Amino acid sequence: MCNTVAVTETSKGHRVWIQGLQGKGITGDFVLVTFGPDKVTLCFGNTKLPKWRKVTQSKGGIVDLQSRKVTQWANGATLATTEVDTQAQTITLARAN
């Protein structure tokens, strides 16, 4: 499943907000965020490991990424595509423009 999400500018860096994770087939309570040069990978699980963040459970599960790392990755893009892999419990973000 592939959707588009906004990449918005804030005073703390750019933000990517993904909600409705359960509706997308993602069931983990924690997420590990990995930034690559062209993509951001979100890996979900139910055990908190070092560097894993808590998934907000309201609105079917929310991940809110907001930082200078997002700004650097976005490289001026205002949209990102999300590719959900329910088998691996991952979401991959790629710049859309």
Protein backbone atom coordinates (compact mmCIF):
# COMPACT_ATOMS: atom_id res chain seq x y z
CA MET A 1 0.00 0.00 0.00
CA CYS A 2 1.44 3.41 -0.96
CA ASN A 3 0.18 6.81 0.20
CA THR A 4 1.46 10.36 0.26
CA VAL A 5 2.06 12.42 3.43
CA ALA A 6 3.03 16.06 3.87
CA VAL A 7 6.52 17.16 4.89
CA THR A 8 5.96 20.46 6.70
CA GLU A 9 8.40 23.03 8.03
CA THR A 10 8.40 23.87 11.76
CA SER A 11 10.69 25.86 14.03
CA LYS A 12 12.30 22.59 15.24
CA GLY A 13 12.89 21.14 11.79
CA HIS A 14 10.62 19.52 9.24
CA ARG A 15 7.80 17.19 10.31
CA VAL A 16 6.29 14.02 8.90
CA TRP A 17 3.11 12.84 10.63
CA ILE A 18 1.69 9.37 9.97
CA GLN A 19 -1.53 8.33 11.68
CA GLY A 20 -3.90 5.37 11.47
CA LEU A 21 -1.13 2.79 11.70
CA GLN A 22 -3.50 0.02 12.82
CA GLY A 23 -5.66 0.63 9.76
CA LYS A 24 -2.53 0.17 7.64
CA GLY A 25 -1.77 -3.18 9.33
CA ILE A 26 0.98 -1.91 11.65
CA THR A 27 0.57 -3.24 15.19
CA GLY A 28 3.80 -2.42 17.06
CA ASP A 29 3.92 -0.30 20.22
CA PHE A 30 7.46 0.94 19.48
CA VAL A 31 9.28 2.19 16.39
CA LEU A 32 12.92 2.41 15.33
CA VAL A 33 13.58 5.24 12.86
CA THR A 34 16.53 4.88 10.46
CA PHE A 35 17.52 7.77 8.18
CA GLY A 36 19.20 6.95 4.88
CA PRO A 37 20.23 9.36 2.12
CA ASP A 38 17.08 8.70 0.06
CA LYS A 39 14.64 7.07 2.47
CA VAL A 40 13.53 6.83 6.08
CA THR A 41 12.66 3.38 7.41
CA LEU A 42 10.30 2.87 10.35
CA CYS A 43 10.51 -0.61 11.92
CA PHE A 44 7.77 -1.51 14.40
CA GLY A 45 7.84 -3.95 17.28
CA ASN A 46 6.32 -4.65 20.68
CA THR A 47 9.55 -4.61 22.74
CA LYS A 48 11.29 -1.36 23.65
CA LEU A 49 14.92 -1.63 22.64
CA PRO A 50 17.60 1.10 22.82
CA LYS A 51 16.79 4.01 20.47
CA TRP A 52 13.22 2.77 19.91
CA ARG A 53 10.46 5.36 20.33
CA LYS A 54 6.94 4.90 21.70
CA VAL A 55 4.10 4.89 19.15
CA THR A 56 1.26 7.19 20.23
CA GLN A 57 -1.82 4.97 20.44
CA SER A 58 -4.50 7.61 19.82
CA LYS A 59 -6.18 7.83 16.39
CA GLY A 60 -5.22 4.25 15.54
CA GLY A 61 -1.50 4.80 16.13
CA ILE A 62 0.61 7.85 15.31
CA VAL A 63 4.26 8.40 14.47
CA ASP A 64 5.38 12.04 14.55
CA LEU A 65 8.87 12.69 13.17
CA GLN A 66 10.08 16.23 13.69
CA SER A 67 13.76 17.14 13.66
CA ARG A 68 16.65 18.59 11.73
CA LYS A 69 17.34 15.04 10.48
CA VAL A 70 13.95 15.11 8.75
CA THR A 71 14.87 18.51 7.24
CA GLN A 72 18.16 17.13 5.93
CA TRP A 73 16.51 14.01 4.51
CA ALA A 74 13.60 15.97 2.93
CA ASN A 75 16.05 18.15 1.00
CA GLY A 76 13.31 20.64 0.10
CA ALA A 77 10.55 18.10 -0.60
CA THR A 78 7.05 18.93 0.62
CA LEU A 79 5.60 15.43 0.10
CA ALA A 80 6.75 11.92 0.89
CA THR A 81 5.41 8.56 -0.24
CA THR A 82 4.82 5.86 2.36
CA GLU A 83 5.21 2.21 1.48
CA VAL A 84 3.79 -0.14 4.12
CA ASP A 85 5.03 -3.72 4.49
CA THR A 86 2.70 -5.44 6.97
CA GLN A 87 4.67 -8.69 6.83
CA ALA A 88 7.90 -6.99 7.96
CA GLN A 89 6.03 -4.38 10.05
CA THR A 90 7.86 -1.51 8.33
CA ILE A 91 7.01 1.77 6.66
CA THR A 92 9.43 3.30 4.17
CA LEU A 93 9.30 7.02 3.40
CA ALA A 94 10.69 8.40 0.14
CA ARG A 95 10.73 11.99 -1.11
CA ALA A 96 7.89 12.52 -3.58
CA ASN A 97 8.96 15.85 -5.07
